[in-house]
Amino acid sequence: MNDGYLDIKDAAQFLAISPRSLRRIVHCGKITFYRIPGTRKLLFRIKDLHFYMKKGKCRCITELLPNAA
């Protein structure tokens, strides 16, 4: 399995969701991410994305109601 990293745009495409939806999932703490020190850029390991897909897409209130956050 590839242990490469994807930025938020590519990770969202990998999961077949929008970058905005992926940000909501990150905010809920449902997926592991890494931040480049000194920046706001998020990175996601492909291995972690596979794990997220395998365990099922858990929904939190901010995923269901965008204005709830």
Protein backbone atom coordinates (compact mmCIF):
# COMPACT_ATOMS: atom_id res chain seq x y z
CA MET A 1 0.00 0.00 0.00
CA ASN A 2 1.26 3.45 -0.88
CA ASP A 3 2.15 5.65 2.13
CA GLY A 4 2.15 8.84 0.04
CA TYR A 5 0.42 12.06 1.05
CA LEU A 6 -2.36 14.01 -0.65
CA ASP A 7 -3.41 17.62 -0.18
CA ILE A 8 -7.02 18.40 0.69
CA LYS A 9 -8.15 18.74 -2.92
CA ASP A 10 -6.67 15.41 -3.98
CA ALA A 11 -7.77 13.65 -0.77
CA ALA A 12 -11.34 14.86 -1.29
CA GLN A 13 -11.25 13.61 -4.87
CA PHE A 14 -9.87 10.27 -3.62
CA LEU A 15 -12.85 9.99 -1.22
CA ALA A 16 -15.31 11.23 -3.88
CA ILE A 17 -16.42 14.17 -1.73
CA SER A 18 -15.90 17.92 -1.90
CA PRO A 19 -12.97 19.63 -0.16
CA ARG A 20 -15.54 21.43 2.00
CA SER A 21 -17.00 18.11 3.16
CA LEU A 22 -13.51 16.84 3.95
CA ARG A 23 -12.86 19.95 6.06
CA ARG A 24 -16.04 19.20 8.00
CA ILE A 25 -14.88 15.62 8.60
CA VAL A 26 -11.51 16.94 9.81
CA HIS A 27 -13.29 19.39 12.13
CA CYS A 28 -15.26 16.47 13.63
CA GLY A 29 -12.05 14.53 14.25
CA LYS A 30 -13.16 11.62 12.08
CA ILE A 31 -10.03 11.40 9.93
CA THR A 32 -6.31 11.67 10.59
CA PHE A 33 -4.52 14.60 8.99
CA TYR A 34 -1.14 16.30 9.16
CA ARG A 35 -0.38 20.00 9.06
CA ILE A 36 2.75 21.47 7.52
CA PRO A 37 4.37 23.56 10.31
CA GLY A 38 3.96 27.27 9.77
CA THR A 39 1.15 26.85 7.25
CA ARG A 40 -2.55 26.07 7.18
CA LYS A 41 -2.04 23.32 4.57
CA LEU A 42 -3.44 19.91 5.48
CA LEU A 43 -2.04 16.62 4.23
CA PHE A 44 -3.61 13.18 4.35
CA ARG A 45 -1.83 9.83 4.14
CA ILE A 46 -3.33 7.53 1.54
CA LYS A 47 -3.17 4.75 4.13
CA ASP A 48 -5.36 6.83 6.49
CA LEU A 49 -7.84 7.57 3.70
CA HIS A 50 -8.14 3.84 2.99
CA PHE A 51 -8.73 3.23 6.70
CA TYR A 52 -11.43 5.92 6.82
CA MET A 53 -13.18 4.38 3.81
CA LYS A 54 -12.94 0.88 5.29
CA LYS A 55 -14.37 1.78 8.70
CA GLY A 56 -17.36 3.56 7.21
CA LYS A 57 -18.22 7.18 6.80
CA CYS A 58 -19.46 8.29 10.19
CA ARG A 59 -21.51 11.44 10.09
CA CYS A 60 -21.44 14.20 12.65
CA ILE A 61 -23.83 17.11 13.01
CA THR A 62 -21.65 19.53 11.01
CA GLU A 63 -21.63 17.13 8.08
CA LEU A 64 -25.43 16.96 8.12
CA LEU A 65 -26.11 20.61 8.90
CA PRO A 66 -23.46 22.96 7.46
CA ASN A 67 -24.67 25.88 9.60
CA ALA A 68 -24.40 23.90 12.85
CA ALA A 69 -20.68 24.62 13.28
